[in-house]
Every structure is written in C-alpha cells, then in structure tokens.
Amino acid sequence: MKSWKTVKTKTAYECKYFNILEEDFLTPSGKIYRYHIVKRNDYVIVLAREKDYIYLIEQYRYTTKSKLLQAVAGSIEKGETQLRAAKKELKEEAGITAGKFTKLGWFYAYYGCSNQKAFVFLAEDLKFGKQEPDDLEKEAGIKVVKLKISKVKELIKSGKIKDCDTLSAFSLFMLKCE
C-alpha cells in the first residue's frame, strides 16, 4: 500500500495545553485532504489497587458541568518518564505512593483527531498520605474514593462511570489482572 504524504502543515491554534495543526495530505489515490490535529502531551492513567479495592477520584469537571468518578490521570511533562508521571499524579491527586507499579498497556486517546497516547499503570503496595492537588483541582473538590472492584464493575455496567480513560484503563486491568 502506498503511504499517505503530508504536503503542508501550519499551526491553526496554540495555547498552554495543546496546539491544533492544520495539515494538507496526499492520499494514495492522489487526492488532497485537510485534517485538523490536536497535539497534546501523552499522559498516564493510574489505577491504585489494595486487595479487592480500587482507589478512584471524584471531581467537578467544567466541560461536562458535573462531578465525575475517574482514575487518577495526568500529562507526561517534557523530559519526564511515564513511570515518573504516574508516581507524581498518584501522589498529587490521591495522596498515595506505591511500592509497585505495573504497566498494563497503552491506547490512542482520541485517534480521530490526535495521536496522543495514554499509558495505563497499576499501582500496588500502597501508602497513604496527603493529597497535593493544584489550585484548579482544589476548586473542583477533588476527593479520593475507595471502591470494591465489584462496585466499580457495577458502576460501569449501570453507566455511572462515564470517563473514557477510566473505562479503558479498567478494561486493561480486568483483562490482565483479574
């Protein structure tokens, strides 16, 4: 199969959190199309497990105008490893440190508009301390929620957990750990 070729790229929008590129590309059939691509840092998702329990967080999300139950997650900063980002986010958002991290896999977060990757980690051998949320997370009322794994399954089945990252991470967890 012939490859697709980028013929022109320009930045259509730029901010602290992401860029939007406008790219024209040539398909194998010879047609030119335009695509808008969201460029963001890759990120981590962390499921913290203690025996038959999973620790999630709940916080208000402005974009949905609602509180959501979700896994710990956050961006991988420039020069930071995936594991370091997972440790940092777990400590900041949940106040948890872990003696053991296992990478469960990764997936493209929004491949219809981005090549951003999400790396999923399982954290075990947990130690509990103080959360270190940033100012916006404080405003969002971030709190840690301890749930039996069976309860997480119920919440997913009933549609009460709506976050795609949490659903994807929990799927990897169920396939690889249960």
N, C-alpha and C. Protein backbone atom coordinates (compact mmCIF):
# COMPACT_ATOMS: atom_id res chain seq x y z
N MET A 1 0.83 -1.18 0.00
CA MET A 1 0.00 0.00 0.00
C MET A 1 0.88 1.25 0.00
N LYS A 2 0.54 2.18 -0.85
CA LYS A 2 1.25 3.45 -0.89
C LYS A 2 0.98 4.22 0.39
N SER A 3 1.95 5.02 0.80
CA SER A 3 1.77 5.78 2.04
C SER A 3 1.09 7.13 1.78
N TRP A 4 0.55 7.67 2.82
CA TRP A 4 -0.06 8.99 2.79
C TRP A 4 1.07 10.00 3.02
N LYS A 5 0.99 11.16 2.37
CA LYS A 5 2.09 12.11 2.45
C LYS A 5 1.57 13.48 2.88
N THR A 6 2.20 14.03 3.91
CA THR A 6 1.87 15.39 4.34
C THR A 6 2.49 16.36 3.35
N VAL A 7 1.67 17.29 2.84
CA VAL A 7 2.18 18.26 1.87
C VAL A 7 2.29 19.67 2.46
N LYS A 8 1.54 19.95 3.54
CA LYS A 8 1.60 21.28 4.15
C LYS A 8 1.12 21.19 5.59
N THR A 9 1.82 21.86 6.50
CA THR A 9 1.42 21.91 7.91
C THR A 9 1.52 23.34 8.41
N LYS A 10 0.50 23.78 9.14
CA LYS A 10 0.59 25.07 9.82
C LYS A 10 -0.13 24.96 11.16
N THR A 11 0.29 25.78 12.10
CA THR A 11 -0.36 25.82 13.40
C THR A 11 -1.58 26.72 13.30
N ALA A 12 -2.76 26.16 13.55
CA ALA A 12 -4.01 26.92 13.46
C ALA A 12 -4.36 27.57 14.79
N TYR A 13 -3.92 26.94 15.89
CA TYR A 13 -4.21 27.48 17.23
C TYR A 13 -3.17 26.94 18.20
N GLU A 14 -2.80 27.78 19.15
CA GLU A 14 -1.77 27.39 20.11
C GLU A 14 -2.14 27.94 21.49
N CYS A 15 -1.99 27.10 22.52
CA CYS A 15 -2.18 27.56 23.90
C CYS A 15 -1.29 26.73 24.81
N LYS A 16 -1.38 26.98 26.10
CA LYS A 16 -0.54 26.31 27.09
C LYS A 16 -0.76 24.79 27.11
N TYR A 17 -1.97 24.34 26.81
CA TYR A 17 -2.33 22.94 26.97
C TYR A 17 -2.27 22.10 25.70
N PHE A 18 -2.44 22.74 24.55
CA PHE A 18 -2.43 22.00 23.29
C PHE A 18 -2.24 22.94 22.11
N ASN A 19 -1.93 22.33 20.97
CA ASN A 19 -1.86 23.04 19.68
C ASN A 19 -2.80 22.33 18.73
N ILE A 20 -3.31 23.08 17.78
CA ILE A 20 -4.09 22.48 16.70
C ILE A 20 -3.35 22.75 15.40
N LEU A 21 -2.98 21.66 14.73
CA LEU A 21 -2.30 21.77 13.44
C LEU A 21 -3.31 21.59 12.32
N GLU A 22 -3.10 22.33 11.25
CA GLU A 22 -3.90 22.16 10.04
C GLU A 22 -2.97 21.55 9.01
N GLU A 23 -3.28 20.34 8.59
CA GLU A 23 -2.39 19.65 7.65
C GLU A 23 -3.14 19.26 6.38
N ASP A 24 -2.49 19.51 5.27
CA ASP A 24 -2.97 19.01 3.98
C ASP A 24 -2.15 17.77 3.67
N PHE A 25 -2.82 16.72 3.23
CA PHE A 25 -2.10 15.49 2.94
C PHE A 25 -2.62 14.86 1.64
N LEU A 26 -1.72 14.13 1.02
CA LEU A 26 -1.99 13.45 -0.25
C LEU A 26 -2.24 11.98 0.04
N THR A 27 -3.38 11.47 -0.42
CA THR A 27 -3.71 10.06 -0.20
C THR A 27 -3.11 9.22 -1.33
N PRO A 28 -3.07 7.91 -1.16
CA PRO A 28 -2.53 7.04 -2.21
C PRO A 28 -3.27 7.18 -3.55
N SER A 29 -4.55 7.61 -3.51
CA SER A 29 -5.29 7.77 -4.76
C SER A 29 -4.98 9.08 -5.47
N GLY A 30 -4.17 9.94 -4.82
CA GLY A 30 -3.78 11.20 -5.44
C GLY A 30 -4.63 12.40 -5.03
N LYS A 31 -5.58 12.21 -4.11
CA LYS A 31 -6.42 13.31 -3.66
C LYS A 31 -5.79 14.00 -2.45
N ILE A 32 -6.00 15.32 -2.38
CA ILE A 32 -5.51 16.09 -1.24
C ILE A 32 -6.69 16.40 -0.32
N TYR A 33 -6.45 16.17 0.96
CA TYR A 33 -7.45 16.44 2.00
C TYR A 33 -6.81 17.29 3.09
N ARG A 34 -7.65 17.94 3.88
CA ARG A 34 -7.18 18.73 5.02
C ARG A 34 -7.67 18.07 6.30
N TYR A 35 -6.80 18.06 7.29
CA TYR A 35 -7.12 17.48 8.60
C TYR A 35 -6.66 18.44 9.69
N HIS A 36 -7.42 18.51 10.78
CA HIS A 36 -7.02 19.30 11.95
C HIS A 36 -6.62 18.32 13.05
N ILE A 37 -5.42 18.48 13.55
CA ILE A 37 -4.85 17.53 14.50
C ILE A 37 -4.57 18.24 15.82
N VAL A 38 -5.08 17.68 16.91
CA VAL A 38 -4.82 18.22 18.23
C VAL A 38 -3.53 17.59 18.74
N LYS A 39 -2.55 18.42 19.06
CA LYS A 39 -1.26 17.95 19.58
C LYS A 39 -1.22 18.24 21.08
N ARG A 40 -1.16 17.18 21.87
CA ARG A 40 -1.07 17.30 23.32
C ARG A 40 0.00 16.34 23.81
N ASN A 41 0.50 16.58 25.02
CA ASN A 41 1.43 15.63 25.62
C ASN A 41 0.72 14.31 25.84
N ASP A 42 1.47 13.22 25.74
CA ASP A 42 0.94 11.93 26.15
C ASP A 42 0.66 12.00 27.65
N TYR A 43 -0.10 11.05 28.16
CA TYR A 43 -0.45 11.10 29.58
C TYR A 43 -0.53 9.71 30.18
N VAL A 44 -0.65 9.68 31.50
CA VAL A 44 -0.74 8.43 32.24
C VAL A 44 -2.10 8.34 32.93
N ILE A 45 -2.51 7.10 33.14
CA ILE A 45 -3.71 6.79 33.91
C ILE A 45 -3.26 5.76 34.95
N VAL A 46 -3.65 5.97 36.21
CA VAL A 46 -3.20 5.08 37.27
C VAL A 46 -4.39 4.53 38.03
N LEU A 47 -4.45 3.20 38.10
CA LEU A 47 -5.40 2.52 38.96
C LEU A 47 -4.64 2.02 40.18
N ALA A 48 -5.04 2.49 41.35
CA ALA A 48 -4.39 2.07 42.59
C ALA A 48 -5.24 0.96 43.21
N ARG A 49 -4.60 -0.20 43.45
CA ARG A 49 -5.33 -1.36 43.98
C ARG A 49 -4.75 -1.77 45.33
N GLU A 50 -5.68 -2.06 46.23
CA GLU A 50 -5.35 -2.62 47.54
C GLU A 50 -6.31 -3.78 47.78
N LYS A 51 -5.80 -5.00 47.68
CA LYS A 51 -6.61 -6.22 47.80
C LYS A 51 -7.78 -6.16 46.82
N ASP A 52 -9.02 -6.14 47.31
CA ASP A 52 -10.20 -6.13 46.45
C ASP A 52 -10.75 -4.73 46.20
N TYR A 53 -9.91 -3.72 46.41
CA TYR A 53 -10.37 -2.33 46.28
C TYR A 53 -9.56 -1.58 45.23
N ILE A 54 -10.23 -0.63 44.60
CA ILE A 54 -9.60 0.30 43.67
C ILE A 54 -9.86 1.71 44.21
N TYR A 55 -8.84 2.56 44.12
CA TYR A 55 -8.99 3.96 44.53
C TYR A 55 -9.14 4.82 43.27
N LEU A 56 -10.27 5.53 43.21
CA LEU A 56 -10.53 6.46 42.13
C LEU A 56 -10.62 7.86 42.74
N ILE A 57 -10.78 8.85 41.90
CA ILE A 57 -11.01 10.20 42.39
C ILE A 57 -12.33 10.71 41.82
N GLU A 58 -12.91 11.63 42.54
CA GLU A 58 -14.13 12.30 42.07
C GLU A 58 -13.84 13.79 42.10
N GLN A 59 -14.22 14.48 41.03
CA GLN A 59 -14.06 15.92 41.00
C GLN A 59 -15.01 16.53 39.98
N TYR A 60 -15.28 17.80 40.15
CA TYR A 60 -16.12 18.53 39.21
C TYR A 60 -15.32 18.77 37.94
N ARG A 61 -15.96 18.52 36.81
CA ARG A 61 -15.33 18.75 35.51
C ARG A 61 -16.13 19.83 34.79
N TYR A 62 -15.49 20.97 34.58
CA TYR A 62 -16.17 22.10 33.97
C TYR A 62 -16.78 21.77 32.61
N THR A 63 -16.06 21.01 31.80
CA THR A 63 -16.54 20.71 30.44
C THR A 63 -17.85 19.95 30.43
N THR A 64 -18.09 19.11 31.43
CA THR A 64 -19.35 18.35 31.48
C THR A 64 -20.36 18.96 32.46
N LYS A 65 -19.92 19.97 33.21
CA LYS A 65 -20.75 20.63 34.24
C LYS A 65 -21.27 19.62 35.25
N SER A 66 -20.39 18.65 35.61
CA SER A 66 -20.80 17.62 36.55
C SER A 66 -19.59 17.04 37.28
N LYS A 67 -19.88 16.36 38.39
CA LYS A 67 -18.82 15.62 39.08
C LYS A 67 -18.68 14.27 38.41
N LEU A 68 -17.44 13.86 38.21
CA LEU A 68 -17.17 12.57 37.58
C LEU A 68 -16.27 11.73 38.46
N LEU A 69 -16.53 10.45 38.44
CA LEU A 69 -15.69 9.46 39.11
C LEU A 69 -14.72 8.94 38.06
N GLN A 70 -13.42 8.96 38.38
CA GLN A 70 -12.43 8.62 37.37
C GLN A 70 -11.16 8.10 38.01
N ALA A 71 -10.32 7.52 37.19
CA ALA A 71 -8.99 7.11 37.62
C ALA A 71 -8.10 8.34 37.71
N VAL A 72 -7.05 8.24 38.46
CA VAL A 72 -6.02 9.28 38.51
C VAL A 72 -5.40 9.37 37.11
N ALA A 73 -5.16 10.58 36.65
CA ALA A 73 -4.56 10.74 35.32
C ALA A 73 -3.88 12.10 35.22
N GLY A 74 -2.90 12.19 34.33
CA GLY A 74 -2.24 13.47 34.11
C GLY A 74 -1.19 13.39 33.03
N SER A 75 -0.81 14.55 32.55
CA SER A 75 0.15 14.67 31.45
C SER A 75 1.55 14.23 31.83
N ILE A 76 2.25 13.74 30.83
CA ILE A 76 3.68 13.46 30.96
C ILE A 76 4.40 14.72 30.50
N GLU A 77 5.09 15.35 31.42
CA GLU A 77 5.79 16.60 31.08
C GLU A 77 7.05 16.30 30.27
N LYS A 78 7.52 17.31 29.56
CA LYS A 78 8.72 17.17 28.74
C LYS A 78 9.88 16.70 29.61
N GLY A 79 10.57 15.64 29.18
CA GLY A 79 11.70 15.09 29.90
C GLY A 79 11.33 14.13 31.02
N GLU A 80 10.06 13.92 31.24
CA GLU A 80 9.59 13.05 32.32
C GLU A 80 9.28 11.66 31.76
N THR A 81 9.60 10.62 32.50
CA THR A 81 9.26 9.27 32.06
C THR A 81 7.80 8.98 32.38
N GLN A 82 7.26 7.97 31.73
CA GLN A 82 5.89 7.55 32.01
C GLN A 82 5.73 7.16 33.48
N LEU A 83 6.67 6.39 33.98
CA LEU A 83 6.60 5.93 35.37
C LEU A 83 6.67 7.11 36.34
N ARG A 84 7.56 8.03 36.09
CA ARG A 84 7.68 9.20 36.97
C ARG A 84 6.37 10.00 36.98
N ALA A 85 5.77 10.16 35.81
CA ALA A 85 4.48 10.88 35.72
C ALA A 85 3.40 10.13 36.50
N ALA A 86 3.38 8.80 36.40
CA ALA A 86 2.38 8.01 37.12
C ALA A 86 2.54 8.19 38.63
N LYS A 87 3.77 8.14 39.11
CA LYS A 87 4.04 8.34 40.55
C LYS A 87 3.61 9.74 40.99
N LYS A 88 3.97 10.74 40.20
CA LYS A 88 3.65 12.13 40.52
C LYS A 88 2.14 12.35 40.59
N GLU A 89 1.42 11.87 39.59
CA GLU A 89 -0.03 12.09 39.56
C GLU A 89 -0.74 11.37 40.70
N LEU A 90 -0.31 10.15 41.01
CA LEU A 90 -0.93 9.40 42.10
C LEU A 90 -0.74 10.14 43.43
N LYS A 91 0.44 10.68 43.64
CA LYS A 91 0.73 11.42 44.87
C LYS A 91 -0.07 12.72 44.92
N GLU A 92 -0.04 13.48 43.83
CA GLU A 92 -0.73 14.77 43.80
C GLU A 92 -2.24 14.62 43.97
N GLU A 93 -2.85 13.76 43.14
CA GLU A 93 -4.30 13.68 43.10
C GLU A 93 -4.91 12.84 44.22
N ALA A 94 -4.21 11.79 44.65
CA ALA A 94 -4.79 10.87 45.64
C ALA A 94 -4.02 10.82 46.95
N GLY A 95 -2.83 11.41 47.00
CA GLY A 95 -2.04 11.32 48.22
C GLY A 95 -1.48 9.94 48.47
N ILE A 96 -1.34 9.16 47.41
CA ILE A 96 -0.90 7.77 47.52
C ILE A 96 0.48 7.61 46.88
N THR A 97 1.35 6.87 47.58
CA THR A 97 2.60 6.41 46.98
C THR A 97 2.50 4.89 46.91
N ALA A 98 3.22 4.31 45.98
CA ALA A 98 3.12 2.86 45.79
C ALA A 98 4.50 2.25 45.69
N GLY A 99 4.62 1.05 46.26
CA GLY A 99 5.88 0.32 46.19
C GLY A 99 6.04 -0.45 44.90
N LYS A 100 4.94 -0.64 44.17
CA LYS A 100 5.00 -1.44 42.94
C LYS A 100 4.11 -0.80 41.87
N PHE A 101 4.67 -0.62 40.69
CA PHE A 101 3.92 -0.14 39.53
C PHE A 101 4.06 -1.16 38.41
N THR A 102 2.96 -1.48 37.77
CA THR A 102 2.95 -2.39 36.62
C THR A 102 2.29 -1.67 35.45
N LYS A 103 2.99 -1.62 34.33
CA LYS A 103 2.40 -1.01 33.13
C LYS A 103 1.45 -2.02 32.50
N LEU A 104 0.18 -1.65 32.38
CA LEU A 104 -0.83 -2.56 31.83
C LEU A 104 -0.97 -2.43 30.32
N GLY A 105 -0.53 -1.32 29.76
CA GLY A 105 -0.65 -1.14 28.32
C GLY A 105 -0.84 0.33 27.99
N TRP A 106 -1.21 0.59 26.76
CA TRP A 106 -1.46 1.95 26.31
C TRP A 106 -2.49 1.93 25.20
N PHE A 107 -3.06 3.10 24.92
CA PHE A 107 -4.01 3.23 23.81
C PHE A 107 -3.97 4.66 23.28
N TYR A 108 -4.43 4.84 22.04
CA TYR A 108 -4.59 6.19 21.50
C TYR A 108 -5.85 6.77 22.12
N ALA A 109 -5.71 7.95 22.69
CA ALA A 109 -6.82 8.54 23.43
C ALA A 109 -7.95 9.01 22.51
N TYR A 110 -7.61 9.72 21.46
CA TYR A 110 -8.63 10.30 20.57
C TYR A 110 -8.14 10.22 19.13
N TYR A 111 -7.94 9.02 18.63
CA TYR A 111 -7.23 8.88 17.36
C TYR A 111 -7.95 9.51 16.17
N GLY A 112 -9.19 9.91 16.35
CA GLY A 112 -9.89 10.61 15.27
C GLY A 112 -9.41 12.03 15.08
N CYS A 113 -8.74 12.58 16.10
CA CYS A 113 -8.26 13.96 15.99
C CYS A 113 -6.88 14.18 16.58
N SER A 114 -6.25 13.11 17.11
CA SER A 114 -4.96 13.27 17.76
C SER A 114 -4.17 11.96 17.75
N ASN A 115 -2.86 12.08 17.90
CA ASN A 115 -2.04 10.87 18.07
C ASN A 115 -1.59 10.73 19.52
N GLN A 116 -2.25 11.41 20.43
CA GLN A 116 -1.93 11.37 21.86
C GLN A 116 -2.13 9.96 22.41
N LYS A 117 -1.16 9.53 23.23
CA LYS A 117 -1.21 8.19 23.83
C LYS A 117 -1.48 8.30 25.32
N ALA A 118 -2.21 7.30 25.83
CA ALA A 118 -2.47 7.17 27.26
C ALA A 118 -1.81 5.88 27.72
N PHE A 119 -0.95 5.98 28.74
CA PHE A 119 -0.24 4.83 29.29
C PHE A 119 -0.87 4.46 30.63
N VAL A 120 -1.27 3.20 30.77
CA VAL A 120 -2.03 2.76 31.95
C VAL A 120 -1.12 1.98 32.90
N PHE A 121 -1.15 2.38 34.17
CA PHE A 121 -0.38 1.73 35.21
C PHE A 121 -1.28 1.23 36.33
N LEU A 122 -0.89 0.11 36.91
CA LEU A 122 -1.50 -0.40 38.13
C LEU A 122 -0.51 -0.12 39.25
N ALA A 123 -0.99 0.51 40.31
CA ALA A 123 -0.16 0.80 41.48
C ALA A 123 -0.60 -0.11 42.62
N GLU A 124 0.37 -0.75 43.28
CA GLU A 124 0.09 -1.65 44.41
C GLU A 124 1.10 -1.39 45.52
N ASP A 125 0.90 -2.07 46.65
CA ASP A 125 1.74 -1.86 47.83
C ASP A 125 1.66 -0.38 48.21
N LEU A 126 0.44 0.05 48.52
CA LEU A 126 0.11 1.46 48.70
C LEU A 126 0.43 1.99 50.09
N LYS A 127 0.81 3.26 50.10
CA LYS A 127 0.99 4.01 51.34
C LYS A 127 0.19 5.30 51.18
N PHE A 128 -0.51 5.68 52.24
CA PHE A 128 -1.42 6.80 52.15
C PHE A 128 -0.88 8.02 52.88
N GLY A 129 -0.97 9.15 52.21
CA GLY A 129 -0.50 10.41 52.77
C GLY A 129 -1.48 11.52 52.41
N LYS A 130 -0.93 12.69 52.26
CA LYS A 130 -1.74 13.87 51.98
C LYS A 130 -1.77 14.16 50.48
N GLN A 131 -2.96 14.47 49.97
CA GLN A 131 -3.08 14.89 48.58
C GLN A 131 -2.33 16.20 48.38
N GLU A 132 -1.87 16.42 47.14
CA GLU A 132 -1.19 17.66 46.78
C GLU A 132 -1.80 18.22 45.49
N PRO A 133 -3.13 18.46 45.49
CA PRO A 133 -3.78 18.93 44.26
C PRO A 133 -3.36 20.36 43.90
N ASP A 134 -3.42 20.66 42.60
CA ASP A 134 -3.15 22.03 42.19
C ASP A 134 -4.39 22.88 42.51
N ASP A 135 -4.31 24.17 42.26
CA ASP A 135 -5.40 25.08 42.65
C ASP A 135 -6.73 24.73 41.98
N LEU A 136 -6.69 24.38 40.69
CA LEU A 136 -7.93 24.05 39.99
C LEU A 136 -8.55 22.76 40.54
N GLU A 137 -7.72 21.77 40.84
CA GLU A 137 -8.23 20.53 41.43
C GLU A 137 -8.84 20.79 42.80
N LYS A 138 -8.25 21.70 43.57
CA LYS A 138 -8.85 22.08 44.86
C LYS A 138 -10.23 22.69 44.64
N GLU A 139 -10.32 23.61 43.68
CA GLU A 139 -11.60 24.25 43.36
C GLU A 139 -12.63 23.21 42.90
N ALA A 140 -12.16 22.17 42.23
CA ALA A 140 -13.05 21.12 41.71
C ALA A 140 -13.49 20.13 42.79
N GLY A 141 -12.97 20.31 43.99
CA GLY A 141 -13.38 19.45 45.10
C GLY A 141 -12.88 18.02 44.97
N ILE A 142 -11.67 17.86 44.47
CA ILE A 142 -11.13 16.51 44.24
C ILE A 142 -11.11 15.72 45.55
N LYS A 143 -11.62 14.49 45.49
CA LYS A 143 -11.56 13.62 46.66
C LYS A 143 -11.31 12.19 46.23
N VAL A 144 -10.70 11.42 47.11
CA VAL A 144 -10.37 10.02 46.85
C VAL A 144 -11.56 9.16 47.24
N VAL A 145 -11.88 8.19 46.40
CA VAL A 145 -12.99 7.28 46.65
C VAL A 145 -12.47 5.84 46.59
N LYS A 146 -12.66 5.10 47.68
CA LYS A 146 -12.25 3.69 47.77
C LYS A 146 -13.46 2.83 47.45
N LEU A 147 -13.32 1.98 46.43
CA LEU A 147 -14.44 1.14 45.99
C LEU A 147 -13.99 -0.31 45.82
N LYS A 148 -14.86 -1.23 46.20
CA LYS A 148 -14.61 -2.63 45.90
C LYS A 148 -14.57 -2.77 44.37
N ILE A 149 -13.74 -3.66 43.89
CA ILE A 149 -13.65 -3.87 42.45
C ILE A 149 -15.02 -4.25 41.89
N SER A 150 -15.77 -5.05 42.63
CA SER A 150 -17.12 -5.44 42.19
C SER A 150 -18.03 -4.22 42.06
N LYS A 151 -17.85 -3.21 42.91
CA LYS A 151 -18.65 -1.98 42.85
C LYS A 151 -18.28 -1.17 41.62
N VAL A 152 -16.99 -1.13 41.28
CA VAL A 152 -16.56 -0.43 40.07
C VAL A 152 -17.23 -1.07 38.86
N LYS A 153 -17.26 -2.40 38.83
CA LYS A 153 -17.93 -3.11 37.72
C LYS A 153 -19.40 -2.71 37.64
N GLU A 154 -20.07 -2.65 38.79
CA GLU A 154 -21.49 -2.23 38.83
C GLU A 154 -21.66 -0.82 38.29
N LEU A 155 -20.80 0.09 38.72
CA LEU A 155 -20.90 1.48 38.28
C LEU A 155 -20.66 1.62 36.78
N ILE A 156 -19.77 0.79 36.24
CA ILE A 156 -19.55 0.79 34.79
C ILE A 156 -20.78 0.23 34.09
N LYS A 157 -21.26 -0.89 34.56
CA LYS A 157 -22.42 -1.55 33.93
C LYS A 157 -23.66 -0.65 33.94
N SER A 158 -23.84 0.10 35.03
CA SER A 158 -25.02 0.97 35.14
C SER A 158 -24.83 2.31 34.43
N GLY A 159 -23.64 2.57 33.89
CA GLY A 159 -23.39 3.81 33.18
C GLY A 159 -23.04 4.98 34.08
N LYS A 160 -22.74 4.72 35.33
CA LYS A 160 -22.41 5.81 36.26
C LYS A 160 -20.96 6.26 36.14
N ILE A 161 -20.09 5.40 35.67
CA ILE A 161 -18.73 5.83 35.32
C ILE A 161 -18.74 6.09 33.83
N LYS A 162 -18.49 7.35 33.45
CA LYS A 162 -18.63 7.78 32.06
C LYS A 162 -17.31 8.22 31.42
N ASP A 163 -16.25 8.23 32.20
CA ASP A 163 -14.96 8.70 31.73
C ASP A 163 -14.29 7.63 30.86
N CYS A 164 -13.96 7.99 29.62
CA CYS A 164 -13.39 7.01 28.68
C CYS A 164 -12.04 6.48 29.15
N ASP A 165 -11.23 7.33 29.78
CA ASP A 165 -9.93 6.86 30.26
C ASP A 165 -10.09 5.80 31.34
N THR A 166 -11.02 6.03 32.26
CA THR A 166 -11.26 5.07 33.33
C THR A 166 -11.82 3.77 32.77
N LEU A 167 -12.74 3.88 31.83
CA LEU A 167 -13.32 2.68 31.22
C LEU A 167 -12.24 1.86 30.49
N SER A 168 -11.38 2.54 29.76
CA SER A 168 -10.31 1.85 29.03
C SER A 168 -9.29 1.24 29.99
N ALA A 169 -8.89 2.01 31.00
CA ALA A 169 -7.91 1.51 31.97
C ALA A 169 -8.46 0.31 32.73
N PHE A 170 -9.72 0.39 33.14
CA PHE A 170 -10.32 -0.71 33.89
C PHE A 170 -10.46 -1.95 33.00
N SER A 171 -10.71 -1.77 31.72
CA SER A 171 -10.76 -2.90 30.79
C SER A 171 -9.41 -3.62 30.75
N LEU A 172 -8.33 -2.85 30.64
CA LEU A 172 -6.99 -3.46 30.64
C LEU A 172 -6.73 -4.16 31.97
N PHE A 173 -7.13 -3.53 33.07
CA PHE A 173 -6.97 -4.14 34.38
C PHE A 173 -7.71 -5.47 34.46
N MET A 174 -8.94 -5.52 34.01
CA MET A 174 -9.74 -6.75 34.08
C MET A 174 -9.17 -7.85 33.21
N LEU A 175 -8.65 -7.49 32.06
CA LEU A 175 -8.08 -8.48 31.15
C LEU A 175 -6.74 -9.03 31.65
N LYS A 176 -5.96 -8.19 32.32
CA LYS A 176 -4.61 -8.59 32.69
C LYS A 176 -4.44 -8.97 34.16
N CYS A 177 -5.37 -8.55 35.02
CA CYS A 177 -5.16 -8.74 36.46
C CYS A 177 -6.23 -9.54 37.17
N GLU A 178 -7.34 -9.74 36.57
CA GLU A 178 -8.43 -10.43 37.28
C GLU A 178 -8.61 -11.84 36.75
